[in-house]
C-alpha atoms as a PDB file:
ATOM      1  CA  MET A   1      72.231 -16.727 -52.451  1.00  0.00           C
ATOM      2  CA  VAL A   2      69.960 -13.911 -52.250  1.00  0.00           C
ATOM      3  CA  ILE A   3      66.311 -15.378 -51.411  1.00  0.00           C
ATOM      4  CA  LEU A   4      63.258 -13.491 -52.451  1.00  0.00           C
ATOM      5  CA  GLY A   5      62.405 -12.782 -48.795  1.00  0.00           C
ATOM      6  CA  ASP A   6      65.446 -10.528 -48.364  1.00  0.00           C
ATOM      7  CA  ILE A   7      64.698  -8.922 -51.402  1.00  0.00           C
ATOM      8  CA  CYS A   8      61.396  -7.864 -50.030  1.00  0.00           C
ATOM      9  CA  LYS A   9      62.921  -7.141 -46.692  1.00  0.00           C
ATOM     10  CA  HIS A  10      65.455  -4.632 -48.675  1.00  0.00           C
ATOM     11  CA  CYS A  11      62.362  -3.024 -50.538  1.00  0.00           C
ATOM     12  CA  LEU A  12      60.269  -2.405 -47.625  1.00  0.00           C
ATOM     13  CA  ARG A  13      63.103  -0.918 -45.553  1.00  0.00           C
ATOM     14  CA  GLU A  14      64.013   1.443 -48.431  1.00  0.00           C
ATOM     15  CA  THR A  15      60.576   2.645 -48.470  1.00  0.00           C
ATOM     16  CA  GLY A  16      60.695   3.567 -44.998  1.00  0.00           C
ATOM     17  CA  ILE A  17      58.711   0.834 -43.257  1.00  0.00           C
ATOM     18  CA  GLU A  18      60.067   0.165 -39.719  1.00  0.00           C
ATOM     19  CA  LEU A  19      60.366  -3.821 -40.262  1.00  0.00           C
ATOM     20  CA  ILE A  20      59.142  -6.355 -37.366  1.00  0.00           C
ATOM     21  CA  GLY A  21      61.972  -8.901 -36.233  1.00  0.00           C
ATOM     22  CA  TYR A  22      62.908 -10.593 -33.000  1.00  0.00           C
ATOM     23  CA  PRO A  23      66.317 -10.913 -31.128  1.00  0.00           C
ATOM     24  CA  VAL A  24      68.423 -14.066 -32.618  1.00  0.00           C
ATOM     25  CA  ASN A  25      71.587 -13.678 -30.479  1.00  0.00           C
ATOM     26  CA  GLN A  26      73.235 -12.055 -27.357  1.00  0.00           C
ATOM     27  CA  LYS A  27      74.076  -9.243 -29.442  1.00  0.00           C
ATOM     28  CA  ASN A  28      70.546  -8.353 -30.057  1.00  0.00           C
ATOM     29  CA  GLN A  29      70.849  -8.768 -33.772  1.00  0.00           C
ATOM     30  CA  LYS A  30      67.378  -9.430 -35.309  1.00  0.00           C
ATOM     31  CA  ALA A  31      66.200 -11.569 -37.778  1.00  0.00           C
ATOM     32  CA  PHE A  32      63.451  -9.928 -40.267  1.00  0.00           C
ATOM     33  CA  THR A  33      62.406 -12.818 -42.586  1.00  0.00           C
ATOM     34  CA  ASN A  34      60.224 -15.877 -42.006  1.00  0.00           C
ATOM     35  CA  ILE A  35      58.532 -14.787 -38.768  1.00  0.00           C
ATOM     36  CA  ARG A  36      56.401 -17.425 -37.033  1.00  0.00           C
ATOM     37  CA  TYR A  37      53.593 -16.770 -34.677  1.00  0.00           C
ATOM     38  CA  GLN A  38      51.127 -19.352 -32.731  1.00  0.00           C
ATOM     39  CA  VAL A  39      47.340 -18.218 -33.138  1.00  0.00           C
ATOM     40  CA  ASP A  40      44.687 -20.660 -31.833  1.00  0.00           C
ATOM     41  CA  GLY A  41      47.229 -23.426 -32.024  1.00  0.00           C
ATOM     42  CA  ASP A  42      48.413 -22.887 -35.811  1.00  0.00           C
ATOM     43  CA  ALA A  43      51.622 -21.610 -36.885  1.00  0.00           C
ATOM     44  CA  ILE A  44      51.343 -18.759 -39.206  1.00  0.00           C
ATOM     45  CA  GLU A  45      54.543 -17.341 -41.076  1.00  0.00           C
ATOM     46  CA  VAL A  46      55.309 -14.139 -42.123  1.00  0.00           C
ATOM     47  CA  ASP A  47      57.905 -13.650 -44.619  1.00  0.00           C
ATOM     48  CA  VAL A  48      58.523 -10.148 -44.124  1.00  0.00           C
ATOM     49  CA  HIS A  49      56.518  -7.468 -42.359  1.00  0.00           C
ATOM     50  CA  GLY A  50      56.731  -4.041 -40.803  1.00  0.00           C
ATOM     51  CA  ILE A  51      54.707  -0.897 -39.750  1.00  0.00           C
ATOM     52  CA  ALA A  52      54.498   2.530 -41.568  1.00  0.00           C
ATOM     53  CA  SER A  53      53.130   5.712 -40.761  1.00  0.00           C
ATOM     54  CA  PRO A  54      49.985   6.681 -40.952  1.00  0.00           C
ATOM     55  CA  LEU A  55      49.607   3.121 -38.614  1.00  0.00           C
ATOM     56  CA  THR A  56      49.556   0.457 -41.280  1.00  0.00           C
ATOM     57  CA  LEU A  57      50.741  -3.048 -40.727  1.00  0.00           C
ATOM     58  CA  PHE A  58      52.171  -4.735 -44.012  1.00  0.00           C
ATOM     59  CA  LEU A  59      52.454  -8.507 -44.385  1.00  0.00           C
ATOM     60  CA  CYS A  60      54.243  -9.754 -47.367  1.00  0.00           C
ATOM     61  CA  GLU A  61      54.451 -13.267 -48.837  1.00  0.00           C
ATOM     62  CA  ALA A  62      57.104 -14.374 -51.152  1.00  0.00           C
ATOM     63  CA  LYS A  63      56.804 -17.414 -53.360  1.00  0.00           C
ATOM     64  CA  THR A  64      59.347 -18.534 -56.033  1.00  0.00           C
ATOM     65  CA  SER A  65      56.884 -21.161 -57.664  1.00  0.00           C
ATOM     66  CA  ALA A  66      56.238 -21.129 -61.475  1.00  0.00           C
ATOM     67  CA  LYS A  67      52.753 -21.133 -60.955  1.00  0.00           C
ATOM     68  CA  ILE A  68      50.713 -20.092 -57.991  1.00  0.00           C
ATOM     69  CA  PRO A  69      46.931 -21.525 -57.705  1.00  0.00           C
ATOM     70  CA  SER A  70      44.353 -19.449 -56.587  1.00  0.00           C
ATOM     71  CA  ASN A  71      43.538 -21.591 -53.511  1.00  0.00           C
ATOM     72  CA  GLU A  72      46.834 -20.741 -52.282  1.00  0.00           C
ATOM     73  CA  LEU A  73      46.282 -17.017 -52.472  1.00  0.00           C
ATOM     74  CA  ARG A  74      42.849 -17.925 -50.408  1.00  0.00           C
ATOM     75  CA  ARG A  75      44.975 -19.760 -47.938  1.00  0.00           C
ATOM     76  CA  VAL A  76      47.698 -17.243 -47.240  1.00  0.00           C
ATOM     77  CA  GLU A  77      44.946 -14.432 -47.087  1.00  0.00           C
ATOM     78  CA  GLY A  78      43.049 -16.491 -44.478  1.00  0.00           C
ATOM     79  CA  LEU A  79      46.001 -17.063 -42.411  1.00  0.00           C
ATOM     80  CA  TYR A  80      46.984 -13.380 -42.527  1.00  0.00           C
ATOM     81  CA  ASP A  81      43.406 -12.618 -41.792  1.00  0.00           C
ATOM     82  CA  ARG A  82      43.557 -14.514 -38.554  1.00  0.00           C
ATOM     83  CA  LEU A  83      46.793 -13.056 -37.616  1.00  0.00           C
ATOM     84  CA  VAL A  84      45.560  -9.452 -37.830  1.00  0.00           C
ATOM     85  CA  ASP A  85      42.183 -10.500 -36.207  1.00  0.00           C
ATOM     86  CA  LYS A  86      44.521 -11.644 -33.107  1.00  0.00           C
ATOM     87  CA  ILE A  87      46.876  -8.574 -33.381  1.00  0.00           C
ATOM     88  CA  ASN A  88      43.701  -6.268 -33.325  1.00  0.00           C
ATOM     89  CA  THR A  89      42.009  -8.392 -30.483  1.00  0.00           C
ATOM     90  CA  MET A  90      45.393  -8.302 -28.431  1.00  0.00           C
ATOM     91  CA  SER A  91      46.044  -4.400 -28.823  1.00  0.00           C
ATOM     92  CA  GLY A  92      42.591  -3.388 -28.355  1.00  0.00           C
ATOM     93  CA  ARG A  93      42.888  -1.339 -31.916  1.00  0.00           C
ATOM     94  CA  GLN A  94      42.063  -1.780 -35.745  1.00  0.00           C
ATOM     95  CA  PHE A  95      44.954  -1.314 -37.809  1.00  0.00           C
ATOM     96  CA  SER A  96      45.059  -0.881 -41.447  1.00  0.00           C
ATOM     97  CA  VAL A  97      46.383  -3.596 -43.125  1.00  0.00           C
ATOM     98  CA  LEU A  98      48.246  -3.888 -46.637  1.00  0.00           C
ATOM     99  CA  LYS A  99      49.044  -7.599 -47.654  1.00  0.00           C
ATOM    100  CA  LEU A 100      51.606  -8.028 -50.499  1.00  0.00           C
ATOM    101  CA  PHE A 101      51.873 -11.186 -52.382  1.00  0.00           C
ATOM    102  CA  ILE A 102      54.847 -11.324 -54.389  1.00  0.00           C
ATOM    103  CA  ILE A 103      55.829 -14.109 -56.914  1.00  0.00           C
ATOM    104  CA  THR A 104      58.726 -15.181 -59.124  1.00  0.00           C
ATOM    105  CA  GLY A 105      56.292 -17.007 -61.584  1.00  0.00           C
ATOM    106  CA  GLU A 106      52.815 -16.358 -62.710  1.00  0.00           C
ATOM    107  CA  PHE A 107      49.373 -16.585 -61.459  1.00  0.00           C
ATOM    108  CA  ASP A 108      47.235 -19.412 -62.493  1.00  0.00           C
ATOM    109  CA  GLY A 109      45.987 -18.655 -65.903  1.00  0.00           C
ATOM    110  CA  ASN A 110      42.412 -20.222 -65.472  1.00  0.00           C
ATOM    111  CA  ILE A 111      41.723 -16.964 -62.821  1.00  0.00           C
ATOM    112  CA  SER A 112      40.791 -13.858 -64.817  1.00  0.00           C
ATOM    113  CA  GLN A 113      42.722 -10.759 -64.461  1.00  0.00           C
ATOM    114  CA  SER A 114      39.470  -8.850 -63.619  1.00  0.00           C
ATOM    115  CA  ALA A 115      39.073 -11.742 -60.749  1.00  0.00           C
ATOM    116  CA  TYR A 116      42.442 -10.705 -59.222  1.00  0.00           C
ATOM    117  CA  LYS A 117      41.600  -6.655 -59.461  1.00  0.00           C
ATOM    118  CA  ARG A 118      38.368  -7.250 -57.749  1.00  0.00           C
ATOM    119  CA  LYS A 119      40.324  -9.140 -55.003  1.00  0.00           C
ATOM    120  CA  ALA A 120      43.077  -6.366 -54.693  1.00  0.00           C
ATOM    121  CA  GLY A 121      40.317  -3.828 -54.689  1.00  0.00           C
ATOM    122  CA  ASN A 122      38.727  -5.174 -51.089  1.00  0.00           C
END
């Protein structure tokens, strides 16, 4: 069974994004989905992520839920912001970041389309 994260991984790779992964065995084969980081004692999981040129960090969250509430968007964005802050601090750089939120269902109907558009513009 193909999972949404694997589809995202394939699509990012096809667009030329260099995926970030970690070795999973002695042959240096890598895993590129569901990567976990520790930031200030909290586990932050990124479904798929990579780096593109010009230097941009892509963070992709994939959800297979029928409805995604707005607080879930805020929760994931907050976790990703913490991860990016940590990366910027450790590297001494300011990375450009693109956060992708991919779902198979729909966003909460109680939130207006203009609210999503405003958020996407930030």
